[in-house]
């Protein structure tokens, strides 16, 4: 018996009979579990909860981007076939361009960028970029009175990850994805748009048996 791996396909051969397994792993649902678990841990363990909230917020944006790719490749496969090239140019450049494209395809009306949940998406994008292009932050000079209780001013990271920010991120990202999912559902008969976007199975496989005789 031997196994051969191919993206999305597994072959297992017993003598002359082959079994082909094909399926999909829904990364947006797996990433969402990280968000939920980190917030749960932050809630039950206050000491060091800043770091749990930081992880939850970053993965909330990862979840959104994973969902955009999930929906995009189903609603506009011709675009996602050349995804990297397509999203290098305006007006669909980068993450914001990808978000705009999927919203247009799903016919989700433009959102107020200054209000939740869209304002939260913008905040999470700033946080993700800060982490992705991390560098030492220069502080000051800042003058403090001698009686100052603390002489450690808040950094850019501190101001992005405030107490409760992770819960806000969870609520807003879930609300936005489910709203987008609801609109996308009207554009396809794909079975994976029938239920909730972030709930359900994380992976499925279909088995086929081949006998050369």
N, C-alpha and C. Protein backbone atom coordinates (compact mmCIF):
# COMPACT_ATOMS: atom_id res chain seq x y z
N UNK A 1 0.85 -1.19 0.00
CA UNK A 1 0.00 0.00 0.00
C UNK A 1 0.88 1.23 0.00
N UNK A 2 0.50 2.24 -0.75
CA UNK A 2 1.24 3.50 -0.70
C UNK A 2 0.25 4.64 -0.84
N UNK A 3 0.66 5.81 -0.41
CA UNK A 3 -0.18 7.00 -0.52
C UNK A 3 0.54 8.07 -1.31
N UNK A 4 -0.14 8.73 -2.17
CA UNK A 4 0.43 9.81 -2.96
C UNK A 4 -0.40 11.06 -2.75
N UNK A 5 0.27 12.18 -2.40
CA UNK A 5 -0.47 13.41 -2.11
C UNK A 5 -0.48 14.33 -3.32
N UNK A 6 -1.63 14.89 -3.57
CA UNK A 6 -1.80 15.89 -4.60
C UNK A 6 -2.77 16.91 -4.02
N UNK A 7 -2.56 18.23 -4.22
CA UNK A 7 -3.45 19.22 -3.60
C UNK A 7 -4.92 18.91 -3.82
N UNK A 8 -5.63 18.66 -2.75
CA UNK A 8 -7.06 18.39 -2.84
C UNK A 8 -7.40 16.94 -3.15
N UNK A 9 -6.38 16.12 -3.42
CA UNK A 9 -6.65 14.73 -3.80
C UNK A 9 -5.70 13.79 -3.07
N UNK A 10 -6.22 12.71 -2.54
CA UNK A 10 -5.40 11.68 -1.90
C UNK A 10 -5.64 10.37 -2.63
N UNK A 11 -4.55 9.68 -2.96
CA UNK A 11 -4.66 8.36 -3.59
C UNK A 11 -4.16 7.30 -2.61
N UNK A 12 -4.94 6.28 -2.40
CA UNK A 12 -4.51 5.12 -1.63
C UNK A 12 -4.69 3.90 -2.53
N UNK A 13 -3.62 3.15 -2.73
CA UNK A 13 -3.71 2.00 -3.64
C UNK A 13 -3.49 0.70 -2.88
N UNK A 14 -4.44 -0.20 -2.99
CA UNK A 14 -4.34 -1.52 -2.42
C UNK A 14 -4.24 -2.50 -3.59
N UNK A 15 -3.06 -3.07 -3.78
CA UNK A 15 -2.81 -3.93 -4.93
C UNK A 15 -3.14 -3.14 -6.20
N UNK A 16 -4.18 -3.56 -6.92
CA UNK A 16 -4.50 -2.90 -8.18
C UNK A 16 -5.74 -2.01 -8.08
N UNK A 17 -6.33 -1.90 -6.88
CA UNK A 17 -7.52 -1.07 -6.71
C UNK A 17 -7.13 0.26 -6.07
N UNK A 18 -7.54 1.35 -6.66
CA UNK A 18 -7.18 2.67 -6.15
C UNK A 18 -8.40 3.36 -5.56
N UNK A 19 -8.17 4.06 -4.47
CA UNK A 19 -9.21 4.87 -3.85
C UNK A 19 -8.81 6.33 -3.94
N UNK A 20 -9.63 7.12 -4.55
CA UNK A 20 -9.35 8.56 -4.67
C UNK A 20 -10.24 9.32 -3.69
N UNK A 21 -9.61 10.17 -2.90
CA UNK A 21 -10.33 11.02 -1.95
C UNK A 21 -10.14 12.47 -2.35
N UNK A 22 -11.24 13.16 -2.59
CA UNK A 22 -11.19 14.57 -2.95
C UNK A 22 -12.10 15.35 -2.00
N UNK A 23 -11.75 16.57 -1.74
CA UNK A 23 -12.58 17.37 -0.85
C UNK A 23 -12.07 18.78 -0.71
N UNK A 24 -12.54 19.45 0.32
CA UNK A 24 -12.13 20.82 0.59
C UNK A 24 -12.02 21.03 2.10
N UNK A 25 -11.11 21.90 2.47
CA UNK A 25 -10.97 22.32 3.86
C UNK A 25 -11.31 23.81 3.91
N UNK A 26 -12.30 24.16 4.70
CA UNK A 26 -12.77 25.55 4.77
C UNK A 26 -11.97 26.32 5.81
N UNK A 27 -10.95 27.01 5.33
CA UNK A 27 -10.02 27.67 6.24
C UNK A 27 -10.68 28.79 7.03
N UNK A 28 -11.67 29.46 6.44
CA UNK A 28 -12.31 30.56 7.17
C UNK A 28 -13.00 30.05 8.44
N UNK A 29 -13.51 28.84 8.41
CA UNK A 29 -14.16 28.28 9.61
C UNK A 29 -13.13 27.86 10.65
N UNK A 30 -12.01 27.34 10.20
CA UNK A 30 -10.96 26.95 11.14
C UNK A 30 -10.34 28.18 11.80
N UNK A 31 -10.11 29.22 11.02
CA UNK A 31 -9.55 30.45 11.58
C UNK A 31 -10.51 31.09 12.59
N UNK A 32 -11.80 30.96 12.31
CA UNK A 32 -12.80 31.53 13.23
C UNK A 32 -12.76 30.83 14.58
N UNK A 33 -12.43 29.56 14.60
CA UNK A 33 -12.29 28.84 15.87
C UNK A 33 -11.16 29.43 16.70
N UNK A 34 -10.11 29.90 16.05
CA UNK A 34 -9.01 30.55 16.77
C UNK A 34 -9.53 31.81 17.47
N UNK A 35 -10.32 32.60 16.75
CA UNK A 35 -10.90 33.82 17.32
C UNK A 35 -11.72 33.48 18.56
N UNK A 36 -12.60 32.52 18.44
CA UNK A 36 -13.48 32.16 19.55
C UNK A 36 -12.70 31.63 20.76
N UNK A 37 -11.72 30.79 20.50
CA UNK A 37 -10.95 30.20 21.60
C UNK A 37 -10.09 31.25 22.29
N UNK A 38 -9.50 32.16 21.54
CA UNK A 38 -8.65 33.19 22.16
C UNK A 38 -9.47 34.14 23.02
N UNK A 39 -10.66 34.49 22.56
CA UNK A 39 -11.53 35.36 23.35
C UNK A 39 -11.99 34.64 24.61
N UNK A 40 -12.31 33.38 24.48
CA UNK A 40 -12.71 32.59 25.65
C UNK A 40 -11.58 32.55 26.68
N UNK A 41 -10.36 32.38 26.20
CA UNK A 41 -9.21 32.33 27.10
C UNK A 41 -8.96 33.69 27.73
N UNK A 42 -9.11 34.76 26.96
CA UNK A 42 -8.91 36.11 27.49
C UNK A 42 -9.93 36.43 28.56
N UNK A 43 -11.15 35.96 28.37
CA UNK A 43 -12.23 36.23 29.32
C UNK A 43 -12.01 35.51 30.65
N UNK A 44 -11.50 34.30 30.58
CA UNK A 44 -11.32 33.50 31.80
C UNK A 44 -9.95 33.69 32.45
N UNK A 45 -9.03 34.34 31.74
CA UNK A 45 -7.68 34.57 32.27
C UNK A 45 -7.27 36.01 32.00
N UNK A 46 -7.63 36.91 32.90
CA UNK A 46 -7.40 38.33 32.64
C UNK A 46 -5.91 38.65 32.53
N UNK A 47 -5.09 38.03 33.37
CA UNK A 47 -3.67 38.31 33.31
C UNK A 47 -3.09 37.85 31.97
N UNK A 48 -2.53 38.78 31.25
CA UNK A 48 -1.98 38.47 29.93
C UNK A 48 -3.03 38.44 28.83
N UNK A 49 -4.25 38.87 29.12
CA UNK A 49 -5.34 38.80 28.14
C UNK A 49 -5.09 39.69 26.93
N UNK A 50 -4.22 40.70 27.09
CA UNK A 50 -3.87 41.56 25.95
C UNK A 50 -3.40 40.72 24.77
N UNK A 51 -2.60 39.72 25.04
CA UNK A 51 -2.02 38.91 23.97
C UNK A 51 -3.06 37.99 23.33
N UNK A 52 -3.98 37.49 24.13
CA UNK A 52 -5.08 36.70 23.58
C UNK A 52 -5.97 37.55 22.68
N UNK A 53 -6.25 38.78 23.13
CA UNK A 53 -7.09 39.67 22.33
C UNK A 53 -6.38 40.07 21.04
N UNK A 54 -5.08 40.28 21.12
CA UNK A 54 -4.30 40.60 19.92
C UNK A 54 -4.42 39.49 18.88
N UNK A 55 -4.23 38.25 19.31
CA UNK A 55 -4.33 37.11 18.38
C UNK A 55 -5.74 37.01 17.81
N UNK A 56 -6.75 37.17 18.66
CA UNK A 56 -8.14 37.08 18.21
C UNK A 56 -8.44 38.12 17.14
N UNK A 57 -7.95 39.33 17.33
CA UNK A 57 -8.23 40.41 16.38
C UNK A 57 -7.55 40.17 15.04
N UNK A 58 -6.29 39.75 15.08
CA UNK A 58 -5.57 39.47 13.83
C UNK A 58 -6.24 38.33 13.07
N UNK A 59 -6.64 37.29 13.79
CA UNK A 59 -7.27 36.15 13.13
C UNK A 59 -8.70 36.46 12.67
N UNK A 60 -9.33 37.45 13.27
CA UNK A 60 -10.64 37.88 12.78
C UNK A 60 -10.52 38.42 11.36
N UNK A 61 -9.47 39.20 11.12
CA UNK A 61 -9.27 39.72 9.76
C UNK A 61 -8.85 38.60 8.82
N UNK A 62 -8.01 37.68 9.30
CA UNK A 62 -7.64 36.52 8.47
C UNK A 62 -8.90 35.74 8.06
N UNK A 63 -9.83 35.62 9.00
CA UNK A 63 -11.08 34.91 8.71
C UNK A 63 -11.85 35.60 7.59
N UNK A 64 -11.93 36.92 7.66
CA UNK A 64 -12.64 37.66 6.63
C UNK A 64 -11.98 37.47 5.27
N UNK A 65 -10.67 37.57 5.22
CA UNK A 65 -9.99 37.40 3.93
C UNK A 65 -10.16 35.98 3.40
N UNK A 66 -10.12 35.00 4.29
CA UNK A 66 -10.34 33.62 3.86
C UNK A 66 -11.75 33.44 3.32
N UNK A 67 -12.71 34.10 3.94
CA UNK A 67 -14.09 34.00 3.45
C UNK A 67 -14.22 34.68 2.08
N UNK A 68 -13.56 35.81 1.90
CA UNK A 68 -13.61 36.50 0.60
C UNK A 68 -13.10 35.58 -0.50
N UNK A 69 -12.04 34.83 -0.23
CA UNK A 69 -11.52 33.90 -1.22
C UNK A 69 -12.47 32.72 -1.43
N UNK A 70 -13.08 32.25 -0.36
CA UNK A 70 -14.06 31.16 -0.46
C UNK A 70 -15.22 31.58 -1.36
N UNK A 71 -15.78 32.75 -1.09
CA UNK A 71 -16.92 33.23 -1.87
C UNK A 71 -16.50 33.62 -3.28
N UNK A 72 -15.37 34.29 -3.39
CA UNK A 72 -14.93 34.78 -4.69
C UNK A 72 -14.68 33.69 -5.70
N UNK A 73 -14.01 32.61 -5.28
CA UNK A 73 -13.69 31.56 -6.24
C UNK A 73 -14.93 30.79 -6.68
N UNK A 74 -16.02 30.91 -5.93
CA UNK A 74 -17.28 30.27 -6.31
C UNK A 74 -18.16 31.20 -7.14
N UNK A 75 -18.16 32.47 -6.81
CA UNK A 75 -19.01 33.42 -7.52
C UNK A 75 -18.35 33.98 -8.78
N UNK A 76 -17.03 34.06 -8.78
CA UNK A 76 -16.31 34.62 -9.93
C UNK A 76 -15.02 33.83 -10.17
N UNK A 77 -15.14 32.56 -10.55
CA UNK A 77 -13.95 31.72 -10.73
C UNK A 77 -12.98 32.26 -11.76
N UNK A 78 -13.49 32.99 -12.76
CA UNK A 78 -12.61 33.54 -13.79
C UNK A 78 -11.69 34.61 -13.22
N UNK A 79 -12.15 35.32 -12.20
CA UNK A 79 -11.32 36.33 -11.54
C UNK A 79 -10.31 35.65 -10.62
N UNK A 80 -10.77 34.71 -9.82
CA UNK A 80 -9.90 34.07 -8.84
C UNK A 80 -8.90 33.11 -9.47
N UNK A 81 -9.10 32.77 -10.73
CA UNK A 81 -8.13 31.94 -11.43
C UNK A 81 -6.80 32.67 -11.56
N UNK A 82 -6.88 33.99 -11.73
CA UNK A 82 -5.69 34.85 -11.80
C UNK A 82 -5.74 35.89 -10.68
N UNK A 83 -6.02 35.39 -9.50
CA UNK A 83 -6.27 36.26 -8.34
C UNK A 83 -5.14 37.26 -8.08
N UNK A 84 -3.92 36.79 -8.03
CA UNK A 84 -2.81 37.68 -7.69
C UNK A 84 -2.64 38.80 -8.70
N UNK A 85 -2.77 38.48 -9.95
CA UNK A 85 -2.63 39.51 -10.99
C UNK A 85 -3.79 40.48 -10.95
N UNK A 86 -4.99 39.96 -10.79
CA UNK A 86 -6.20 40.80 -10.82
C UNK A 86 -6.19 41.82 -9.70
N UNK A 87 -5.79 41.41 -8.51
CA UNK A 87 -5.87 42.30 -7.36
C UNK A 87 -4.59 43.10 -7.12
N UNK A 88 -3.77 43.20 -8.16
CA UNK A 88 -2.61 44.09 -8.09
C UNK A 88 -2.93 45.47 -8.64
N UNK A 89 -4.05 45.58 -9.33
CA UNK A 89 -4.36 46.83 -10.04
C UNK A 89 -5.63 47.48 -9.49
N UNK A 90 -5.66 48.79 -9.57
CA UNK A 90 -6.86 49.53 -9.19
C UNK A 90 -7.98 49.25 -10.20
N UNK A 91 -9.23 49.31 -9.82
CA UNK A 91 -9.74 49.73 -8.51
C UNK A 91 -9.89 48.60 -7.50
N UNK A 92 -9.27 47.44 -7.79
CA UNK A 92 -9.44 46.28 -6.92
C UNK A 92 -8.12 45.84 -6.30
N UNK A 93 -7.27 46.79 -6.02
CA UNK A 93 -5.94 46.46 -5.52
C UNK A 93 -5.97 46.07 -4.04
N UNK A 94 -5.28 44.98 -3.72
CA UNK A 94 -5.09 44.58 -2.33
C UNK A 94 -6.34 44.06 -1.63
N UNK A 95 -6.24 44.02 -0.32
CA UNK A 95 -7.34 43.49 0.50
C UNK A 95 -8.62 44.29 0.31
N UNK A 96 -8.51 45.62 0.35
CA UNK A 96 -9.70 46.46 0.20
C UNK A 96 -10.34 46.27 -1.16
N UNK A 97 -9.51 46.07 -2.18
CA UNK A 97 -10.04 45.83 -3.52
C UNK A 97 -10.76 44.50 -3.62
N UNK A 98 -10.21 43.49 -2.96
CA UNK A 98 -10.86 42.18 -2.95
C UNK A 98 -12.20 42.25 -2.23
N UNK A 99 -12.22 42.97 -1.12
CA UNK A 99 -13.47 43.16 -0.37
C UNK A 99 -14.50 43.87 -1.24
N UNK A 100 -14.07 44.92 -1.92
CA UNK A 100 -14.96 45.67 -2.81
C UNK A 100 -15.52 44.78 -3.91
N UNK A 101 -14.67 43.94 -4.50
CA UNK A 101 -15.08 43.08 -5.60
C UNK A 101 -16.14 42.08 -5.16
N UNK A 102 -15.92 41.42 -4.04
CA UNK A 102 -16.89 40.42 -3.57
C UNK A 102 -18.20 41.09 -3.20
N UNK A 103 -18.14 42.27 -2.60
CA UNK A 103 -19.36 43.00 -2.26
C UNK A 103 -20.14 43.35 -3.53
N UNK A 104 -19.44 43.74 -4.58
CA UNK A 104 -20.10 44.07 -5.85
C UNK A 104 -20.75 42.83 -6.46
N UNK A 105 -20.02 41.72 -6.46
CA UNK A 105 -20.55 40.49 -7.05
C UNK A 105 -21.80 40.03 -6.30
N UNK A 106 -21.75 40.13 -4.98
CA UNK A 106 -22.88 39.71 -4.15
C UNK A 106 -23.98 40.76 -4.09
N UNK A 107 -23.71 41.92 -4.67
CA UNK A 107 -24.64 43.05 -4.65
C UNK A 107 -24.99 43.48 -3.22
N UNK A 108 -23.96 43.52 -2.41
CA UNK A 108 -24.10 44.08 -1.06
C UNK A 108 -23.84 45.57 -1.16
N UNK A 109 -24.79 46.42 -0.78
CA UNK A 109 -24.61 47.87 -0.89
C UNK A 109 -23.37 48.35 -0.14
N UNK A 110 -22.77 49.42 -0.65
CA UNK A 110 -21.60 50.01 0.00
C UNK A 110 -21.92 50.38 1.44
N UNK A 111 -20.95 50.16 2.32
CA UNK A 111 -21.14 50.39 3.74
C UNK A 111 -20.54 51.73 4.16
N UNK A 112 -21.07 52.28 5.25
CA UNK A 112 -20.51 53.50 5.84
C UNK A 112 -19.19 53.13 6.51
N UNK A 113 -18.08 53.60 5.96
CA UNK A 113 -16.77 53.21 6.47
C UNK A 113 -16.45 53.80 7.83
N UNK A 114 -17.23 54.78 8.28
CA UNK A 114 -16.98 55.40 9.58
C UNK A 114 -17.79 54.73 10.69
N UNK A 115 -18.65 53.80 10.33
CA UNK A 115 -19.51 53.14 11.32
C UNK A 115 -19.24 51.64 11.35
N UNK A 116 -19.56 51.03 12.48
CA UNK A 116 -19.45 49.58 12.58
C UNK A 116 -20.48 48.93 11.66
N UNK A 117 -20.17 47.78 11.08
CA UNK A 117 -18.97 46.98 11.30
C UNK A 117 -17.78 47.34 10.42
N UNK A 118 -17.99 48.21 9.40
CA UNK A 118 -16.92 48.48 8.44
C UNK A 118 -15.75 49.19 9.09
N UNK A 119 -16.02 50.08 10.04
CA UNK A 119 -14.93 50.79 10.71
C UNK A 119 -14.03 49.81 11.46
N UNK A 120 -14.61 48.74 11.96
CA UNK A 120 -13.82 47.71 12.65
C UNK A 120 -12.92 46.98 11.67
N UNK A 121 -13.41 46.73 10.46
CA UNK A 121 -12.59 46.09 9.43
C UNK A 121 -11.36 46.94 9.15
N UNK A 122 -11.55 48.25 9.02
CA UNK A 122 -10.43 49.15 8.76
C UNK A 122 -9.43 49.13 9.92
N UNK A 123 -9.93 49.08 11.13
CA UNK A 123 -9.05 49.03 12.31
C UNK A 123 -8.25 47.74 12.32
N UNK A 124 -8.89 46.63 12.01
CA UNK A 124 -8.20 45.34 11.99
C UNK A 124 -7.16 45.29 10.88
N UNK A 125 -7.45 45.96 9.77
CA UNK A 125 -6.47 46.03 8.67
C UNK A 125 -5.23 46.78 9.13
N UNK A 126 -5.40 47.86 9.87
CA UNK A 126 -4.25 48.60 10.41
C UNK A 126 -3.43 47.72 11.35
N UNK A 127 -4.13 46.96 12.19
CA UNK A 127 -3.45 46.07 13.12
C UNK A 127 -2.70 44.99 12.38
N UNK A 128 -3.33 44.38 11.40
CA UNK A 128 -2.68 43.31 10.63
C UNK A 128 -1.43 43.85 9.93
N UNK A 129 -1.53 45.04 9.34
CA UNK A 129 -0.39 45.64 8.65
C UNK A 129 0.74 45.97 9.63
N UNK A 130 0.36 46.44 10.82
CA UNK A 130 1.37 46.75 11.84
C UNK A 130 2.15 45.49 12.22
N UNK A 131 1.45 44.37 12.33
CA UNK A 131 2.09 43.11 12.68
C UNK A 131 2.89 42.55 11.51
N UNK A 132 2.33 42.64 10.31
CA UNK A 132 2.98 42.07 9.13
C UNK A 132 4.27 42.80 8.78
N UNK A 133 4.31 44.10 9.06
CA UNK A 133 5.49 44.92 8.75
C UNK A 133 6.07 45.46 10.06
N UNK A 134 6.20 44.58 11.02
CA UNK A 134 6.58 44.99 12.38
C UNK A 134 7.98 45.60 12.44
N UNK A 135 8.11 46.63 13.25
CA UNK A 135 9.41 47.25 13.50
C UNK A 135 9.35 47.96 14.85
N UNK A 136 10.51 48.29 15.37
CA UNK A 136 10.59 48.98 16.65
C UNK A 136 9.94 50.36 16.54
N UNK A 137 9.08 50.67 17.50
CA UNK A 137 8.40 51.97 17.49
C UNK A 137 9.18 52.98 18.34
N UNK A 138 9.50 54.10 17.75
CA UNK A 138 10.20 55.17 18.46
C UNK A 138 9.18 55.98 19.26
N UNK A 139 9.50 56.25 20.53
CA UNK A 139 8.60 56.98 21.42
C UNK A 139 9.27 58.27 21.89
N UNK A 140 8.50 59.34 21.88
CA UNK A 140 8.97 60.60 22.44
C UNK A 140 9.80 61.44 21.49
N UNK A 141 10.40 62.49 22.06
CA UNK A 141 10.44 62.79 23.50
C UNK A 141 9.10 63.29 24.06
N UNK A 142 8.76 62.83 25.27
CA UNK A 142 7.55 63.23 25.97
C UNK A 142 7.93 63.67 27.38
N UNK A 143 7.44 64.82 27.79
CA UNK A 143 7.73 65.33 29.13
C UNK A 143 6.63 64.93 30.11
N UNK A 144 7.03 64.38 31.25
CA UNK A 144 6.09 63.97 32.30
C UNK A 144 6.37 64.77 33.58
N UNK A 145 5.32 65.10 34.33
CA UNK A 145 5.54 65.71 35.64
C UNK A 145 6.14 64.67 36.59
N UNK A 146 6.87 65.12 37.58
CA UNK A 146 7.54 64.20 38.49
C UNK A 146 6.57 63.27 39.20
N UNK A 147 5.33 63.75 39.45
CA UNK A 147 4.37 62.94 40.18
C UNK A 147 3.59 61.97 39.29
N UNK A 148 3.96 61.87 38.03
CA UNK A 148 3.25 60.97 37.11
C UNK A 148 3.29 59.54 37.62
N UNK A 149 2.12 58.89 37.58
CA UNK A 149 2.02 57.51 38.06
C UNK A 149 2.76 56.55 37.13
N UNK A 150 2.61 56.77 35.83
CA UNK A 150 3.26 55.90 34.84
C UNK A 150 3.96 56.75 33.80
N UNK A 151 5.12 56.32 33.43
CA UNK A 151 5.86 57.02 32.38
C UNK A 151 6.05 56.10 31.17
N UNK A 152 5.04 55.25 30.94
CA UNK A 152 5.03 54.36 29.79
C UNK A 152 3.83 54.71 28.92
N UNK A 153 4.00 55.64 27.97
CA UNK A 153 2.87 56.04 27.12
C UNK A 153 2.40 54.89 26.25
N UNK A 154 1.12 54.93 25.89
CA UNK A 154 0.55 53.88 25.04
C UNK A 154 1.18 53.91 23.66
N UNK A 155 1.48 52.75 23.15
CA UNK A 155 2.04 52.63 21.81
C UNK A 155 0.92 52.48 20.78
N UNK A 156 1.30 52.45 19.51
CA UNK A 156 0.31 52.24 18.45
C UNK A 156 -0.41 50.91 18.66
N UNK A 157 0.33 49.89 19.03
CA UNK A 157 -0.26 48.57 19.27
C UNK A 157 -1.23 48.62 20.45
N UNK A 158 -0.82 49.30 21.52
CA UNK A 158 -1.69 49.42 22.69
C UNK A 158 -3.01 50.08 22.34
N UNK A 159 -2.96 51.10 21.51
CA UNK A 159 -4.17 51.85 21.16
C UNK A 159 -5.09 51.08 20.22
N UNK A 160 -4.53 50.09 19.53
CA UNK A 160 -5.35 49.26 18.64
C UNK A 160 -5.98 48.08 19.39
N UNK A 161 -5.29 47.61 20.41
CA UNK A 161 -5.77 46.45 21.17
C UNK A 161 -6.16 46.91 22.58
N UNK A 162 -7.29 47.55 22.67
CA UNK A 162 -7.82 48.03 23.95
C UNK A 162 -8.69 46.94 24.58
N UNK A 163 -8.91 47.00 25.89
CA UNK A 163 -9.80 46.02 26.52
C UNK A 163 -11.18 46.00 25.85
N UNK A 164 -11.62 44.83 25.46
CA UNK A 164 -12.92 44.69 24.79
C UNK A 164 -12.85 44.79 23.28
N UNK A 165 -11.69 45.17 22.74
CA UNK A 165 -11.57 45.32 21.28
C UNK A 165 -11.76 44.00 20.54
N UNK A 166 -11.30 42.92 21.14
CA UNK A 166 -11.43 41.62 20.49
C UNK A 166 -12.89 41.20 20.38
N UNK A 167 -13.67 41.46 21.42
CA UNK A 167 -15.09 41.11 21.37
C UNK A 167 -15.81 41.94 20.32
N UNK A 168 -15.45 43.22 20.22
CA UNK A 168 -16.02 44.07 19.18
C UNK A 168 -15.67 43.52 17.80
N UNK A 169 -14.41 43.12 17.64
CA UNK A 169 -13.97 42.56 16.36
C UNK A 169 -14.75 41.30 16.03
N UNK A 170 -14.93 40.44 17.00
CA UNK A 170 -15.67 39.19 16.78
C UNK A 170 -17.10 39.48 16.35
N UNK A 171 -17.77 40.37 17.07
CA UNK A 171 -19.16 40.69 16.76
C UNK A 171 -19.29 41.30 15.37
N UNK A 172 -18.41 42.24 15.04
CA UNK A 172 -18.54 42.96 13.78
C UNK A 172 -18.14 42.11 12.58
N UNK A 173 -17.08 41.34 12.71
CA UNK A 173 -16.65 40.48 11.59
C UNK A 173 -17.68 39.40 11.33
N UNK A 174 -18.21 38.81 12.38
CA UNK A 174 -19.25 37.79 12.21
C UNK A 174 -20.48 38.39 11.55
N UNK A 175 -20.90 39.55 12.02
CA UNK A 175 -22.07 40.22 11.44
C UNK A 175 -21.85 40.53 9.97
N UNK A 176 -20.67 41.05 9.64
CA UNK A 176 -20.41 41.43 8.25
C UNK A 176 -20.33 40.21 7.34
N UNK A 177 -19.61 39.18 7.77
CA UNK A 177 -19.48 37.98 6.94
C UNK A 177 -20.84 37.33 6.69
N UNK A 178 -21.66 37.24 7.72
CA UNK A 178 -22.97 36.61 7.55
C UNK A 178 -23.86 37.46 6.64
N UNK A 179 -23.73 38.78 6.72
CA UNK A 179 -24.50 39.65 5.82
C UNK A 179 -24.05 39.45 4.38
N UNK A 180 -22.75 39.39 4.17
CA UNK A 180 -22.21 39.16 2.83
C UNK A 180 -22.61 37.77 2.33
N UNK A 181 -22.58 36.80 3.21
CA UNK A 181 -22.96 35.42 2.88
C UNK A 181 -24.42 35.35 2.45
N UNK A 182 -25.26 36.10 3.14
CA UNK A 182 -26.70 36.12 2.82
C UNK A 182 -26.94 36.68 1.43
N UNK A 183 -26.22 37.73 1.06
CA UNK A 183 -26.36 38.30 -0.28
C UNK A 183 -25.77 37.37 -1.34
N UNK A 184 -24.63 36.75 -1.03
CA UNK A 184 -23.99 35.84 -1.98
C UNK A 184 -24.86 34.63 -2.27
N UNK A 185 -25.62 34.20 -1.29
CA UNK A 185 -26.50 33.03 -1.42
C UNK A 185 -27.47 33.19 -2.59
N UNK A 186 -27.86 34.41 -2.87
CA UNK A 186 -28.83 34.68 -3.93
C UNK A 186 -28.21 34.55 -5.32
N UNK A 187 -26.88 34.44 -5.37
CA UNK A 187 -26.18 34.41 -6.66
C UNK A 187 -25.72 33.01 -7.08
N UNK A 188 -25.98 32.02 -6.25
CA UNK A 188 -25.48 30.69 -6.55
C UNK A 188 -26.35 29.62 -5.91
N UNK A 189 -26.28 28.42 -6.48
CA UNK A 189 -26.96 27.27 -5.89
C UNK A 189 -25.99 26.39 -5.11
N UNK A 190 -24.77 26.87 -4.94
CA UNK A 190 -23.75 26.12 -4.20
C UNK A 190 -24.26 25.76 -2.81
N UNK A 191 -24.16 24.48 -2.47
CA UNK A 191 -24.70 23.99 -1.21
C UNK A 191 -24.04 24.64 0.00
N UNK A 192 -22.80 25.09 -0.14
CA UNK A 192 -22.07 25.65 0.99
C UNK A 192 -22.50 27.07 1.32
N UNK A 193 -23.45 27.60 0.57
CA UNK A 193 -24.01 28.91 0.90
C UNK A 193 -25.37 28.77 1.59
N UNK A 194 -25.82 27.55 1.80
CA UNK A 194 -27.15 27.34 2.37
C UNK A 194 -27.22 27.69 3.85
N UNK A 195 -26.20 27.33 4.61
CA UNK A 195 -26.22 27.58 6.05
C UNK A 195 -25.42 28.81 6.42
N UNK A 196 -24.97 28.84 7.67
CA UNK A 196 -24.17 29.95 8.16
C UNK A 196 -22.76 29.88 7.57
N UNK A 197 -22.16 31.03 7.39
CA UNK A 197 -20.82 31.09 6.81
C UNK A 197 -19.76 30.51 7.73
N UNK A 198 -19.89 30.77 9.02
CA UNK A 198 -18.83 30.42 9.96
C UNK A 198 -19.16 29.21 10.83
N UNK A 199 -20.29 28.60 10.59
CA UNK A 199 -20.69 27.42 11.36
C UNK A 199 -20.76 26.21 10.43
N UNK A 200 -20.62 25.03 11.02
CA UNK A 200 -20.72 23.82 10.21
C UNK A 200 -19.39 23.11 10.08
N UNK A 201 -19.34 22.14 9.18
CA UNK A 201 -18.15 21.30 9.03
C UNK A 201 -16.96 22.13 8.56
N UNK A 202 -15.79 21.71 8.95
CA UNK A 202 -14.56 22.39 8.54
C UNK A 202 -13.96 21.76 7.29
N UNK A 203 -14.37 20.53 6.99
CA UNK A 203 -13.78 19.82 5.86
C UNK A 203 -14.72 18.72 5.41
N UNK A 204 -14.68 18.40 4.13
CA UNK A 204 -15.43 17.23 3.64
C UNK A 204 -14.57 16.49 2.63
N UNK A 205 -14.79 15.21 2.53
CA UNK A 205 -14.09 14.37 1.56
C UNK A 205 -15.10 13.47 0.85
N UNK A 206 -14.83 13.21 -0.41
CA UNK A 206 -15.63 12.28 -1.21
C UNK A 206 -14.70 11.18 -1.70
N UNK A 207 -15.12 9.94 -1.52
CA UNK A 207 -14.28 8.80 -1.89
C UNK A 207 -14.76 8.16 -3.18
N UNK A 208 -13.80 7.86 -4.07
CA UNK A 208 -14.09 7.16 -5.32
C UNK A 208 -13.17 5.93 -5.40
N UNK A 209 -13.72 4.83 -5.84
CA UNK A 209 -12.93 3.61 -5.99
C UNK A 209 -12.74 3.31 -7.47
N UNK A 210 -11.50 3.01 -7.85
CA UNK A 210 -11.20 2.70 -9.25
C UNK A 210 -10.55 1.32 -9.32
N UNK A 211 -11.10 0.48 -10.19
CA UNK A 211 -10.53 -0.85 -10.40
C UNK A 211 -10.19 -0.96 -11.88
N UNK A 212 -8.93 -1.20 -12.21
CA UNK A 212 -8.52 -1.23 -13.63
C UNK A 212 -9.08 -2.40 -14.40
N UNK A 213 -9.62 -3.40 -13.71
CA UNK A 213 -10.10 -4.59 -14.43
C UNK A 213 -11.59 -4.48 -14.71
